[in-house]
Amino acid sequence: MDRQILLVGYFGFDNLGDELLLISLLDFIRHNFQDIKPLVLYAKNLPSVYGADVIPRKKLLSGIIKADGVCFSGGSIIQDVTSVKSLVYYLGIILLSFITGKPVIMVSQGFGPVKTWLGKKLIRILDLVYSISVRDMDSYKFLERSGIRRPKIYQGNDLVSFLDIDRFRIEDSSVERDVLVSVREAEGFREEEFLDAFVRFREENNLNLAFFVTHKDEDARITEEFARKLDCEILFWDDPISAMKILSSARFIVSMRLHPLIISSLLEIPFLGIIYDPKVRSFVSLFPDAHSLDISSDSSQIEDTLNLAWRNRERLKSGIIKYRDNLNKQETFNPIYDLYSLWSKDR
């Protein structure tokens, strides 16, 4: 039974997290369903990406028609904080797939927040989805509050949590950075407070600080500003492998972005999360010994928390190992099994 599945997400926009989501899902499909051929809805006009055929975004309809099913592949795309237009676009894909008779599943999906009147009305389109796994409890509760009841719903983990991390480990152990920091633009982010705290944190502990750009377009300006004011190294990634090698060179990671934190857990590197979004709080809360900061924190609070997290970094490692042992892999990927069973009935 050879079938084609169209993978939908925020792919091809130079955001490391979304590229890693895609790699993780492609790996799972290839290892477990040799008779499923993935097609990737991708922003860049390439013939293929990570070994899968590309469907350019401007050919969305032809991609849906060509595929036997549609799979939303993680990330924070079902929300309207970034843009209500983006939410309408992705919900429109679900509606278009339903109209053309193509079943839709969502794997390791993040949901919310949805704040606009239009978004709250359109979110009921999710009831057209066949099967869903969510990446965190906040997303599960969002579906409950939104009255989404028709799909099968499973509580899973973020797809990046299931990457085969060993193939990304750095080979040159001489390249080591004490602290690697990832920042992004966010409303209410007190940049000067964090800058002042980073200066004192570095000097007090005699640390090598470097900055990492997770999203090449959205994070470049603010990261360059931090690196310039602190006279620190700034690191860009060329491809996911180079990014993972940069992250694995750190002894401690401080990040506003979710996926550097998840990669930290896979590499057993202690971390501190800077919370700008519920998804970051949700992930950090899984680790009893982990520390976090709100983007509105003042410089003294930031410095105190950074110092505490740095001193207690070894204690966090045991919690990281427990987290990896308790991942819900089956629940996360159940929607793919559900779709495969549905296809089997249609033969």
C-alpha atoms as a PDB file:
ATOM      1  CA  MET A   1       0.000   0.000   0.000  1.00  0.00           C
ATOM      2  CA  ASP A   2       2.005   2.985  -1.236  1.00  0.00           C
ATOM      3  CA  ARG A   3       0.586   6.291  -0.007  1.00  0.00           C
ATOM      4  CA  GLN A   4       1.725   9.900  -0.134  1.00  0.00           C
ATOM      5  CA  ILE A   5       1.374  12.258   2.814  1.00  0.00           C
ATOM      6  CA  LEU A   6       1.743  16.048   2.637  1.00  0.00           C
ATOM      7  CA  LEU A   7       3.650  17.431   5.653  1.00  0.00           C
ATOM      8  CA  VAL A   8       2.527  20.928   6.641  1.00  0.00           C
ATOM      9  CA  GLY A   9       4.358  23.330   8.941  1.00  0.00           C
ATOM     10  CA  TYR A  10       6.429  26.502   9.078  1.00  0.00           C
ATOM     11  CA  PHE A  11       9.083  24.910   6.928  1.00  0.00           C
ATOM     12  CA  GLY A  12      11.660  26.705   4.790  1.00  0.00           C
ATOM     13  CA  PHE A  13      11.715  29.994   6.721  1.00  0.00           C
ATOM     14  CA  ASP A  14      15.163  29.557   8.327  1.00  0.00           C
ATOM     15  CA  ASN A  15      13.810  28.747  11.784  1.00  0.00           C
ATOM     16  CA  LEU A  16      15.944  25.998  13.285  1.00  0.00           C
ATOM     17  CA  GLY A  17      13.179  24.581  15.467  1.00  0.00           C
ATOM     18  CA  ASP A  18      10.812  23.966  12.590  1.00  0.00           C
ATOM     19  CA  GLU A  19      13.508  22.370  10.463  1.00  0.00           C
ATOM     20  CA  LEU A  20      14.302  19.964  13.292  1.00  0.00           C
ATOM     21  CA  LEU A  21      10.597  19.142  13.676  1.00  0.00           C
ATOM     22  CA  LEU A  22      10.548  18.178  10.017  1.00  0.00           C
ATOM     23  CA  ILE A  23      13.702  16.052  10.253  1.00  0.00           C
ATOM     24  CA  SER A  24      12.341  14.199  13.281  1.00  0.00           C
ATOM     25  CA  LEU A  25       9.029  13.397  11.604  1.00  0.00           C
ATOM     26  CA  LEU A  26      10.680  12.318   8.348  1.00  0.00           C
ATOM     27  CA  ASP A  27      12.982   9.997  10.300  1.00  0.00           C
ATOM     28  CA  PHE A  28      10.034   8.409  12.097  1.00  0.00           C
ATOM     29  CA  ILE A  29       8.032   7.848   8.905  1.00  0.00           C
ATOM     30  CA  ARG A  30      11.000   6.323   7.059  1.00  0.00           C
ATOM     31  CA  HIS A  31      11.850   3.973   9.916  1.00  0.00           C
ATOM     32  CA  ASN A  32       8.292   2.816  10.576  1.00  0.00           C
ATOM     33  CA  PHE A  33       6.295   3.213   7.347  1.00  0.00           C
ATOM     34  CA  GLN A  34       8.378   2.345   4.302  1.00  0.00           C
ATOM     35  CA  ASP A  35       5.279   2.440   2.093  1.00  0.00           C
ATOM     36  CA  ILE A  36       4.459   6.073   2.940  1.00  0.00           C
ATOM     37  CA  LYS A  37       6.110   8.705   0.764  1.00  0.00           C
ATOM     38  CA  PRO A  38       6.390  12.129   2.457  1.00  0.00           C
ATOM     39  CA  LEU A  39       5.840  15.341   0.501  1.00  0.00           C
ATOM     40  CA  VAL A  40       6.874  18.592   2.209  1.00  0.00           C
ATOM     41  CA  LEU A  41       5.077  21.919   1.847  1.00  0.00           C
ATOM     42  CA  TYR A  42       8.142  24.176   1.794  1.00  0.00           C
ATOM     43  CA  ALA A  43       8.718  27.917   1.440  1.00  0.00           C
ATOM     44  CA  LYS A  44      11.852  27.623  -0.691  1.00  0.00           C
ATOM     45  CA  ASN A  45      11.673  26.508  -4.304  1.00  0.00           C
ATOM     46  CA  LEU A  46      13.761  23.335  -4.040  1.00  0.00           C
ATOM     47  CA  PRO A  47      13.248  19.939  -5.695  1.00  0.00           C
ATOM     48  CA  SER A  48      13.721  18.150  -2.370  1.00  0.00           C
ATOM     49  CA  VAL A  49      14.583  18.753   1.269  1.00  0.00           C
ATOM     50  CA  TYR A  50      16.119  16.214   3.696  1.00  0.00           C
ATOM     51  CA  GLY A  51      15.473  13.542   1.063  1.00  0.00           C
ATOM     52  CA  ALA A  52      11.748  14.294   0.606  1.00  0.00           C
ATOM     53  CA  ASP A  53      10.061  15.814  -2.439  1.00  0.00           C
ATOM     54  CA  VAL A  54       9.022  19.451  -2.043  1.00  0.00           C
ATOM     55  CA  ILE A  55       5.624  20.974  -2.807  1.00  0.00           C
ATOM     56  CA  PRO A  56       6.112  24.768  -3.139  1.00  0.00           C
ATOM     57  CA  ARG A  57       3.637  26.804  -1.099  1.00  0.00           C
ATOM     58  CA  LYS A  58       2.206  28.393  -4.241  1.00  0.00           C
ATOM     59  CA  LYS A  59       1.225  24.890  -5.369  1.00  0.00           C
ATOM     60  CA  LEU A  60      -0.610  24.026  -2.165  1.00  0.00           C
ATOM     61  CA  LEU A  61      -3.807  22.840  -3.853  1.00  0.00           C
ATOM     62  CA  SER A  62      -1.978  20.532  -6.249  1.00  0.00           C
ATOM     63  CA  GLY A  63      -0.041  19.134  -3.288  1.00  0.00           C
ATOM     64  CA  ILE A  64      -3.253  18.345  -1.399  1.00  0.00           C
ATOM     65  CA  ILE A  65      -4.761  16.713  -4.477  1.00  0.00           C
ATOM     66  CA  LYS A  66      -1.597  14.685  -5.092  1.00  0.00           C
ATOM     67  CA  ALA A  67      -1.415  13.420  -1.495  1.00  0.00           C
ATOM     68  CA  ASP A  68      -3.533  10.723   0.150  1.00  0.00           C
ATOM     69  CA  GLY A  69      -3.538  12.602   3.447  1.00  0.00           C
ATOM     70  CA  VAL A  70      -2.288  15.755   5.139  1.00  0.00           C
ATOM     71  CA  CYS A  71      -0.170  15.849   8.306  1.00  0.00           C
ATOM     72  CA  PHE A  72       0.394  19.016  10.323  1.00  0.00           C
ATOM     73  CA  SER A  73       3.856  18.521  11.733  1.00  0.00           C
ATOM     74  CA  GLY A  74       4.266  20.344  15.028  1.00  0.00           C
ATOM     75  CA  GLY A  75       5.224  23.888  15.898  1.00  0.00           C
ATOM     76  CA  SER A  76       3.207  26.900  17.030  1.00  0.00           C
ATOM     77  CA  ILE A  77       1.208  27.565  13.888  1.00  0.00           C
ATOM     78  CA  ILE A  78      -2.311  27.294  15.327  1.00  0.00           C
ATOM     79  CA  GLN A  79      -2.313  30.693  17.058  1.00  0.00           C
ATOM     80  CA  ASP A  80      -3.056  34.278  16.104  1.00  0.00           C
ATOM     81  CA  VAL A  81      -0.554  36.172  18.260  1.00  0.00           C
ATOM     82  CA  THR A  82       1.932  36.275  15.386  1.00  0.00           C
ATOM     83  CA  SER A  83      -0.750  36.956  12.765  1.00  0.00           C
ATOM     84  CA  VAL A  84      -4.412  36.124  12.289  1.00  0.00           C
ATOM     85  CA  LYS A  85      -3.632  35.719   8.576  1.00  0.00           C
ATOM     86  CA  SER A  86      -1.300  32.847   9.396  1.00  0.00           C
ATOM     87  CA  LEU A  87      -3.998  31.136  11.466  1.00  0.00           C
ATOM     88  CA  VAL A  88      -6.515  31.549   8.623  1.00  0.00           C
ATOM     89  CA  TYR A  89      -3.957  30.082   6.189  1.00  0.00           C
ATOM     90  CA  TYR A  90      -3.378  26.904   8.197  1.00  0.00           C
ATOM     91  CA  LEU A  91      -7.019  26.405   9.116  1.00  0.00           C
ATOM     92  CA  GLY A  92      -7.784  26.960   5.435  1.00  0.00           C
ATOM     93  CA  ILE A  93      -5.535  24.016   4.589  1.00  0.00           C
ATOM     94  CA  ILE A  94      -7.625  21.823   6.890  1.00  0.00           C
ATOM     95  CA  LEU A  95     -10.862  23.011   5.279  1.00  0.00           C
ATOM     96  CA  LEU A  96      -9.488  22.592   1.759  1.00  0.00           C
ATOM     97  CA  SER A  97      -8.272  19.077   2.572  1.00  0.00           C
ATOM     98  CA  PHE A  98     -11.698  18.178   3.962  1.00  0.00           C
ATOM     99  CA  ILE A  99     -13.449  19.489   0.856  1.00  0.00           C
ATOM    100  CA  THR A 100     -11.163  17.445  -1.391  1.00  0.00           C
ATOM    101  CA  GLY A 101     -11.709  14.314   0.707  1.00  0.00           C
ATOM    102  CA  LYS A 102      -8.200  14.109   2.172  1.00  0.00           C
ATOM    103  CA  PRO A 103      -7.945  13.098   5.853  1.00  0.00           C
ATOM    104  CA  VAL A 104      -5.981  15.450   8.102  1.00  0.00           C
ATOM    105  CA  ILE A 105      -3.916  14.535  11.155  1.00  0.00           C
ATOM    106  CA  MET A 106      -1.843  16.723  13.466  1.00  0.00           C
ATOM    107  CA  VAL A 107       1.303  15.353  15.136  1.00  0.00           C
ATOM    108  CA  SER A 108       2.884  16.975  18.197  1.00  0.00           C
ATOM    109  CA  GLN A 109       0.960  20.160  17.514  1.00  0.00           C
ATOM    110  CA  GLY A 110       1.078  23.284  19.624  1.00  0.00           C
ATOM    111  CA  PHE A 111      -2.193  25.193  20.037  1.00  0.00           C
ATOM    112  CA  GLY A 112      -2.888  28.743  21.146  1.00  0.00           C
ATOM    113  CA  PRO A 113      -3.107  31.409  22.157  1.00  0.00           C
ATOM    114  CA  VAL A 114      -6.044  32.482  19.964  1.00  0.00           C
ATOM    115  CA  LYS A 115      -7.240  35.937  21.009  1.00  0.00           C
ATOM    116  CA  THR A 116      -9.052  37.518  18.066  1.00  0.00           C
ATOM    117  CA  TRP A 117     -12.793  37.224  17.482  1.00  0.00           C
ATOM    118  CA  LEU A 118     -12.187  35.777  14.005  1.00  0.00           C
ATOM    119  CA  GLY A 119      -9.663  33.267  15.309  1.00  0.00           C
ATOM    120  CA  LYS A 120     -12.033  32.036  18.014  1.00  0.00           C
ATOM    121  CA  LYS A 121     -14.779  31.506  15.440  1.00  0.00           C
ATOM    122  CA  LEU A 122     -12.567  29.710  12.920  1.00  0.00           C
ATOM    123  CA  ILE A 123     -10.862  27.439  15.441  1.00  0.00           C
ATOM    124  CA  ARG A 124     -13.844  25.086  15.277  1.00  0.00           C
ATOM    125  CA  ILE A 125     -12.472  23.969  11.907  1.00  0.00           C
ATOM    126  CA  LEU A 126     -10.192  21.733  14.006  1.00  0.00           C
ATOM    127  CA  ASP A 127     -13.198  19.435  14.459  1.00  0.00           C
ATOM    128  CA  LEU A 128     -12.609  18.358  10.843  1.00  0.00           C
ATOM    129  CA  VAL A 129      -9.252  16.796  11.811  1.00  0.00           C
ATOM    130  CA  TYR A 130      -9.191  13.001  12.136  1.00  0.00           C
ATOM    131  CA  SER A 131      -6.545  12.563  14.843  1.00  0.00           C
ATOM    132  CA  ILE A 132      -4.372  14.908  16.932  1.00  0.00           C
ATOM    133  CA  SER A 133      -1.428  14.601  19.288  1.00  0.00           C
ATOM    134  CA  VAL A 134      -0.488  17.699  21.291  1.00  0.00           C
ATOM    135  CA  ARG A 135       3.010  18.554  22.449  1.00  0.00           C
ATOM    136  CA  ASP A 136       2.090  19.854  25.911  1.00  0.00           C
ATOM    137  CA  MET A 137      -0.707  20.086  28.472  1.00  0.00           C
ATOM    138  CA  ASP A 138      -1.433  23.734  27.624  1.00  0.00           C
ATOM    139  CA  SER A 139      -2.316  22.682  24.064  1.00  0.00           C
ATOM    140  CA  TYR A 140      -4.502  19.848  25.375  1.00  0.00           C
ATOM    141  CA  LYS A 141      -6.394  22.284  27.605  1.00  0.00           C
ATOM    142  CA  PHE A 142      -6.756  24.708  24.687  1.00  0.00           C
ATOM    143  CA  LEU A 143      -8.579  22.065  22.658  1.00  0.00           C
ATOM    144  CA  GLU A 144     -10.836  21.316  25.633  1.00  0.00           C
ATOM    145  CA  ARG A 145     -11.685  25.007  26.153  1.00  0.00           C
ATOM    146  CA  SER A 146     -12.318  25.429  22.427  1.00  0.00           C
ATOM    147  CA  GLY A 147     -14.827  22.571  22.428  1.00  0.00           C
ATOM    148  CA  ILE A 148     -12.866  20.409  19.973  1.00  0.00           C
ATOM    149  CA  ARG A 149     -14.254  16.910  20.535  1.00  0.00           C
ATOM    150  CA  ARG A 150     -14.510  15.014  17.241  1.00  0.00           C
ATOM    151  CA  PRO A 151     -10.825  14.141  16.638  1.00  0.00           C
ATOM    152  CA  LYS A 152      -8.963  11.494  18.598  1.00  0.00           C
ATOM    153  CA  ILE A 153      -6.663  13.459  20.896  1.00  0.00           C
ATOM    154  CA  TYR A 154      -3.408  12.203  22.433  1.00  0.00           C
ATOM    155  CA  GLN A 155      -0.982  13.933  24.774  1.00  0.00           C
ATOM    156  CA  GLY A 156       2.542  13.631  23.403  1.00  0.00           C
ATOM    157  CA  ASN A 157       5.792  15.577  23.356  1.00  0.00           C
ATOM    158  CA  ASP A 158       7.552  17.914  20.980  1.00  0.00           C
ATOM    159  CA  LEU A 159       8.859  16.122  17.884  1.00  0.00           C
ATOM    160  CA  VAL A 160      12.374  17.436  18.457  1.00  0.00           C
ATOM    161  CA  SER A 161      12.480  15.347  21.640  1.00  0.00           C
ATOM    162  CA  PHE A 162      12.699  12.229  19.461  1.00  0.00           C
ATOM    163  CA  LEU A 163      15.662  13.221  17.305  1.00  0.00           C
ATOM    164  CA  ASP A 164      18.547  10.776  17.046  1.00  0.00           C
ATOM    165  CA  ILE A 165      20.839  13.163  18.863  1.00  0.00           C
ATOM    166  CA  ASP A 166      24.038  11.093  18.592  1.00  0.00           C
ATOM    167  CA  ARG A 167      24.522  11.916  14.922  1.00  0.00           C
ATOM    168  CA  PHE A 168      24.657  15.636  15.793  1.00  0.00           C
ATOM    169  CA  ARG A 169      27.172  15.575  18.623  1.00  0.00           C
ATOM    170  CA  ILE A 170      30.214  17.795  18.140  1.00  0.00           C
ATOM    171  CA  GLU A 171      33.382  15.994  17.095  1.00  0.00           C
ATOM    172  CA  ASP A 172      35.915  18.629  18.154  1.00  0.00           C
ATOM    173  CA  SER A 173      35.855  18.689  21.963  1.00  0.00           C
ATOM    174  CA  SER A 174      38.313  21.609  21.972  1.00  0.00           C
ATOM    175  CA  VAL A 175      35.462  23.894  20.867  1.00  0.00           C
ATOM    176  CA  GLU A 176      33.668  24.682  24.111  1.00  0.00           C
ATOM    177  CA  ARG A 177      31.665  27.682  25.256  1.00  0.00           C
ATOM    178  CA  ASP A 178      30.635  28.260  28.859  1.00  0.00           C
ATOM    179  CA  VAL A 179      27.259  29.839  28.119  1.00  0.00           C
ATOM    180  CA  LEU A 180      25.301  30.011  24.875  1.00  0.00           C
ATOM    181  CA  VAL A 181      22.397  32.475  24.713  1.00  0.00           C
ATOM    182  CA  SER A 182      19.458  32.613  22.292  1.00  0.00           C
ATOM    183  CA  VAL A 183      17.222  35.709  22.346  1.00  0.00           C
ATOM    184  CA  ARG A 184      14.344  36.896  20.176  1.00  0.00           C
ATOM    185  CA  GLU A 185      12.069  39.900  19.767  1.00  0.00           C
ATOM    186  CA  ALA A 186       9.127  39.884  22.173  1.00  0.00           C
ATOM    187  CA  GLU A 187       6.706  42.504  23.425  1.00  0.00           C
ATOM    188  CA  GLY A 188       7.637  43.448  26.966  1.00  0.00           C
ATOM    189  CA  PHE A 189      11.185  42.063  26.750  1.00  0.00           C
ATOM    190  CA  ARG A 190      13.379  44.280  28.962  1.00  0.00           C
ATOM    191  CA  GLU A 191      16.507  44.129  26.856  1.00  0.00           C
ATOM    192  CA  GLU A 192      18.584  46.610  28.857  1.00  0.00           C
ATOM    193  CA  GLU A 193      17.844  44.788  32.109  1.00  0.00           C
ATOM    194  CA  PHE A 194      19.043  41.526  30.606  1.00  0.00           C
ATOM    195  CA  LEU A 195      22.105  43.174  29.081  1.00  0.00           C
ATOM    196  CA  ASP A 196      23.147  44.616  32.464  1.00  0.00           C
ATOM    197  CA  ALA A 197      22.603  41.264  34.172  1.00  0.00           C
ATOM    198  CA  PHE A 198      24.569  39.331  31.533  1.00  0.00           C
ATOM    199  CA  VAL A 199      27.528  41.685  32.007  1.00  0.00           C
ATOM    200  CA  ARG A 200      27.649  41.121  35.776  1.00  0.00           C
ATOM    201  CA  PHE A 201      26.948  37.382  35.448  1.00  0.00           C
ATOM    202  CA  ARG A 202      29.840  36.968  33.020  1.00  0.00           C
ATOM    203  CA  GLU A 203      32.296  39.016  35.075  1.00  0.00           C
ATOM    204  CA  GLU A 204      31.399  37.448  38.425  1.00  0.00           C
ATOM    205  CA  ASN A 205      31.860  33.904  37.097  1.00  0.00           C
ATOM    206  CA  ASN A 206      34.624  34.634  34.552  1.00  0.00           C
ATOM    207  CA  LEU A 207      32.613  33.070  31.726  1.00  0.00           C
ATOM    208  CA  ASN A 208      32.884  32.804  27.976  1.00  0.00           C
ATOM    209  CA  LEU A 209      29.515  34.046  26.668  1.00  0.00           C
ATOM    210  CA  ALA A 210      28.345  33.555  23.061  1.00  0.00           C
ATOM    211  CA  PHE A 211      25.076  34.246  21.244  1.00  0.00           C
ATOM    212  CA  PHE A 212      23.243  31.902  18.894  1.00  0.00           C
ATOM    213  CA  VAL A 213      20.747  32.945  16.207  1.00  0.00           C
ATOM    214  CA  THR A 214      17.903  30.397  16.169  1.00  0.00           C
ATOM    215  CA  HIS A 215      15.646  32.096  13.604  1.00  0.00           C
ATOM    216  CA  LYS A 216      17.859  33.738  11.004  1.00  0.00           C
ATOM    217  CA  ASP A 217      15.348  36.421   9.981  1.00  0.00           C
ATOM    218  CA  GLU A 218      13.480  37.226  13.181  1.00  0.00           C
ATOM    219  CA  ASP A 219      16.326  36.911  15.697  1.00  0.00           C
ATOM    220  CA  ALA A 220      19.280  38.411  13.836  1.00  0.00           C
ATOM    221  CA  ARG A 221      18.804  42.072  14.786  1.00  0.00           C
ATOM    222  CA  ILE A 222      18.340  41.638  18.518  1.00  0.00           C
ATOM    223  CA  THR A 223      21.035  38.954  18.760  1.00  0.00           C
ATOM    224  CA  GLU A 224      23.556  41.138  16.948  1.00  0.00           C
ATOM    225  CA  GLU A 225      22.678  44.010  19.288  1.00  0.00           C
ATOM    226  CA  PHE A 226      23.268  41.896  22.392  1.00  0.00           C
ATOM    227  CA  ALA A 227      26.508  40.448  21.013  1.00  0.00           C
ATOM    228  CA  ARG A 228      27.817  43.886  20.019  1.00  0.00           C
ATOM    229  CA  LYS A 229      27.057  45.523  23.370  1.00  0.00           C
ATOM    230  CA  LEU A 230      28.586  42.623  25.288  1.00  0.00           C
ATOM    231  CA  ASP A 231      31.473  42.171  22.821  1.00  0.00           C
ATOM    232  CA  CYS A 232      30.596  38.487  22.403  1.00  0.00           C
ATOM    233  CA  GLU A 233      30.856  35.932  19.637  1.00  0.00           C
ATOM    234  CA  ILE A 234      27.693  35.559  17.524  1.00  0.00           C
ATOM    235  CA  LEU A 235      26.982  32.219  15.859  1.00  0.00           C
ATOM    236  CA  PHE A 236      24.815  31.554  12.806  1.00  0.00           C
ATOM    237  CA  TRP A 237      23.909  28.080  11.530  1.00  0.00           C
ATOM    238  CA  ASP A 238      24.178  26.962   7.904  1.00  0.00           C
ATOM    239  CA  ASP A 239      22.135  23.761   8.244  1.00  0.00           C
ATOM    240  CA  PRO A 240      20.589  21.780  11.118  1.00  0.00           C
ATOM    241  CA  ILE A 241      23.726  19.674  11.598  1.00  0.00           C
ATOM    242  CA  SER A 242      25.938  22.747  12.032  1.00  0.00           C
ATOM    243  CA  ALA A 243      23.363  24.232  14.431  1.00  0.00           C
ATOM    244  CA  MET A 244      23.304  21.139  16.576  1.00  0.00           C
ATOM    245  CA  LYS A 245      27.077  21.075  16.731  1.00  0.00           C
ATOM    246  CA  ILE A 246      27.109  24.693  17.902  1.00  0.00           C
ATOM    247  CA  LEU A 247      24.561  23.947  20.626  1.00  0.00           C
ATOM    248  CA  SER A 248      26.454  20.853  21.750  1.00  0.00           C
ATOM    249  CA  SER A 249      29.571  22.977  22.340  1.00  0.00           C
ATOM    250  CA  ALA A 250      27.956  24.765  25.300  1.00  0.00           C
ATOM    251  CA  ARG A 251      28.224  23.932  29.006  1.00  0.00           C
ATOM    252  CA  PHE A 252      25.049  25.895  29.775  1.00  0.00           C
ATOM    253  CA  ILE A 253      22.284  27.277  27.551  1.00  0.00           C
ATOM    254  CA  VAL A 254      20.031  30.281  28.183  1.00  0.00           C
ATOM    255  CA  SER A 255      17.201  30.586  25.687  1.00  0.00           C
ATOM    256  CA  MET A 256      13.956  32.369  24.927  1.00  0.00           C
ATOM    257  CA  ARG A 257      13.368  29.986  22.040  1.00  0.00           C
ATOM    258  CA  LEU A 258      11.836  26.624  22.892  1.00  0.00           C
ATOM    259  CA  HIS A 259      13.889  24.301  20.722  1.00  0.00           C
ATOM    260  CA  PRO A 260      17.376  25.200  21.998  1.00  0.00           C
ATOM    261  CA  LEU A 261      15.993  24.229  25.419  1.00  0.00           C
ATOM    262  CA  ILE A 262      14.727  20.901  24.087  1.00  0.00           C
ATOM    263  CA  ILE A 263      18.072  20.251  22.387  1.00  0.00           C
ATOM    264  CA  SER A 264      19.765  21.053  25.703  1.00  0.00           C
ATOM    265  CA  SER A 265      17.734  18.311  27.350  1.00  0.00           C
ATOM    266  CA  LEU A 266      18.688  15.807  24.646  1.00  0.00           C
ATOM    267  CA  LEU A 267      22.360  16.678  25.001  1.00  0.00           C
ATOM    268  CA  GLU A 268      22.084  16.670  28.820  1.00  0.00           C
ATOM    269  CA  ILE A 269      23.227  20.294  28.938  1.00  0.00           C
ATOM    270  CA  PRO A 270      21.805  22.353  31.837  1.00  0.00           C
ATOM    271  CA  PHE A 271      19.627  25.261  30.742  1.00  0.00           C
ATOM    272  CA  LEU A 272      17.622  28.280  31.824  1.00  0.00           C
ATOM    273  CA  GLY A 273      14.465  29.342  30.008  1.00  0.00           C
ATOM    274  CA  ILE A 274      13.458  32.954  29.437  1.00  0.00           C
ATOM    275  CA  ILE A 275       9.672  32.883  29.271  1.00  0.00           C
ATOM    276  CA  TYR A 276       7.987  34.968  26.592  1.00  0.00           C
ATOM    277  CA  ASP A 277       5.315  32.393  25.668  1.00  0.00           C
ATOM    278  CA  PRO A 278       3.344  29.681  27.535  1.00  0.00           C
ATOM    279  CA  LYS A 279       5.080  26.925  25.541  1.00  0.00           C
ATOM    280  CA  VAL A 280       8.436  27.815  27.121  1.00  0.00           C
ATOM    281  CA  ARG A 281       6.921  27.838  30.622  1.00  0.00           C
ATOM    282  CA  SER A 282       5.224  24.509  29.891  1.00  0.00           C
ATOM    283  CA  PHE A 283       8.505  22.864  28.881  1.00  0.00           C
ATOM    284  CA  VAL A 284      10.611  24.256  31.740  1.00  0.00           C
ATOM    285  CA  SER A 285       7.950  23.145  34.249  1.00  0.00           C
ATOM    286  CA  LEU A 286       8.729  19.514  33.345  1.00  0.00           C
ATOM    287  CA  PHE A 287      12.056  19.854  35.192  1.00  0.00           C
ATOM    288  CA  PRO A 288      11.770  20.393  38.964  1.00  0.00           C
ATOM    289  CA  ASP A 289      15.356  21.677  39.233  1.00  0.00           C
ATOM    290  CA  ALA A 290      15.231  23.984  36.205  1.00  0.00           C
ATOM    291  CA  HIS A 291      15.236  27.757  36.548  1.00  0.00           C
ATOM    292  CA  SER A 292      13.421  30.342  34.459  1.00  0.00           C
ATOM    293  CA  LEU A 293      13.047  34.078  34.074  1.00  0.00           C
ATOM    294  CA  ASP A 294      10.195  36.195  32.839  1.00  0.00           C
ATOM    295  CA  ILE A 295      10.954  38.706  30.081  1.00  0.00           C
ATOM    296  CA  SER A 296       9.784  41.496  32.432  1.00  0.00           C
ATOM    297  CA  SER A 297      12.308  40.619  35.186  1.00  0.00           C
ATOM    298  CA  ASP A 298      14.606  43.349  36.517  1.00  0.00           C
ATOM    299  CA  SER A 299      18.383  43.129  36.296  1.00  0.00           C
ATOM    300  CA  SER A 300      19.016  42.097  39.915  1.00  0.00           C
ATOM    301  CA  GLN A 301      16.469  39.272  39.678  1.00  0.00           C
ATOM    302  CA  ILE A 302      17.981  38.170  36.371  1.00  0.00           C
ATOM    303  CA  GLU A 303      21.518  38.180  37.767  1.00  0.00           C
ATOM    304  CA  ASP A 304      20.505  36.267  40.909  1.00  0.00           C
ATOM    305  CA  THR A 305      18.662  33.603  38.906  1.00  0.00           C
ATOM    306  CA  LEU A 306      21.489  33.224  36.386  1.00  0.00           C
ATOM    307  CA  ASN A 307      24.006  32.735  39.191  1.00  0.00           C
ATOM    308  CA  LEU A 308      21.773  30.240  40.991  1.00  0.00           C
ATOM    309  CA  ALA A 309      21.132  28.242  37.821  1.00  0.00           C
ATOM    310  CA  TRP A 310      24.847  28.218  36.963  1.00  0.00           C
ATOM    311  CA  ARG A 311      25.809  26.994  40.448  1.00  0.00           C
ATOM    312  CA  ASN A 312      23.123  24.291  40.413  1.00  0.00           C
ATOM    313  CA  ARG A 313      23.596  23.192  36.811  1.00  0.00           C
ATOM    314  CA  GLU A 314      24.832  19.700  37.660  1.00  0.00           C
ATOM    315  CA  ARG A 315      21.706  18.975  39.721  1.00  0.00           C
ATOM    316  CA  LEU A 316      19.546  19.604  36.662  1.00  0.00           C
ATOM    317  CA  LYS A 317      21.200  16.789  34.708  1.00  0.00           C
ATOM    318  CA  SER A 318      19.483  14.035  36.686  1.00  0.00           C
ATOM    319  CA  GLY A 319      16.111  15.630  35.984  1.00  0.00           C
ATOM    320  CA  ILE A 320      16.979  15.787  32.296  1.00  0.00           C
ATOM    321  CA  ILE A 321      17.666  12.046  32.200  1.00  0.00           C
ATOM    322  CA  LYS A 322      14.327  11.335  33.911  1.00  0.00           C
ATOM    323  CA  TYR A 323      12.545  13.498  31.332  1.00  0.00           C
ATOM    324  CA  ARG A 324      14.025  11.536  28.455  1.00  0.00           C
ATOM    325  CA  ASP A 325      12.983   8.270  30.098  1.00  0.00           C
ATOM    326  CA  ASN A 326       9.358   9.429  30.354  1.00  0.00           C
ATOM    327  CA  LEU A 327       8.708  10.685  26.817  1.00  0.00           C
ATOM    328  CA  ASN A 328       5.341   9.686  25.325  1.00  0.00           C
ATOM    329  CA  LYS A 329       6.611   8.456  21.957  1.00  0.00           C
ATOM    330  CA  GLN A 330       3.644   6.197  21.177  1.00  0.00           C
ATOM    331  CA  GLU A 331       1.111   8.894  22.046  1.00  0.00           C
ATOM    332  CA  THR A 332       3.002  11.478  20.003  1.00  0.00           C
ATOM    333  CA  PHE A 333       2.965   9.428  16.812  1.00  0.00           C
ATOM    334  CA  ASN A 334      -0.448   7.756  17.267  1.00  0.00           C
ATOM    335  CA  PRO A 335      -2.112  10.011  14.650  1.00  0.00           C
ATOM    336  CA  ILE A 336       0.125   8.509  11.941  1.00  0.00           C
ATOM    337  CA  TYR A 337      -0.900   4.999  13.006  1.00  0.00           C
ATOM    338  CA  ASP A 338      -4.543   6.137  12.997  1.00  0.00           C
ATOM    339  CA  LEU A 339      -4.218   7.484   9.466  1.00  0.00           C
ATOM    340  CA  TYR A 340      -2.492   4.311   8.299  1.00  0.00           C
ATOM    341  CA  SER A 341      -5.345   2.239   9.751  1.00  0.00           C
ATOM    342  CA  LEU A 342      -7.869   4.471   8.002  1.00  0.00           C
ATOM    343  CA  TRP A 343      -6.091   3.963   4.694  1.00  0.00           C
ATOM    344  CA  SER A 344      -6.075   0.196   5.281  1.00  0.00           C
ATOM    345  CA  LYS A 345      -9.861   0.204   5.665  1.00  0.00           C
ATOM    346  CA  ASP A 346     -10.243   2.070   2.364  1.00  0.00           C
ATOM    347  CA  ARG A 347      -8.318  -0.480   0.298  1.00  0.00           C
END
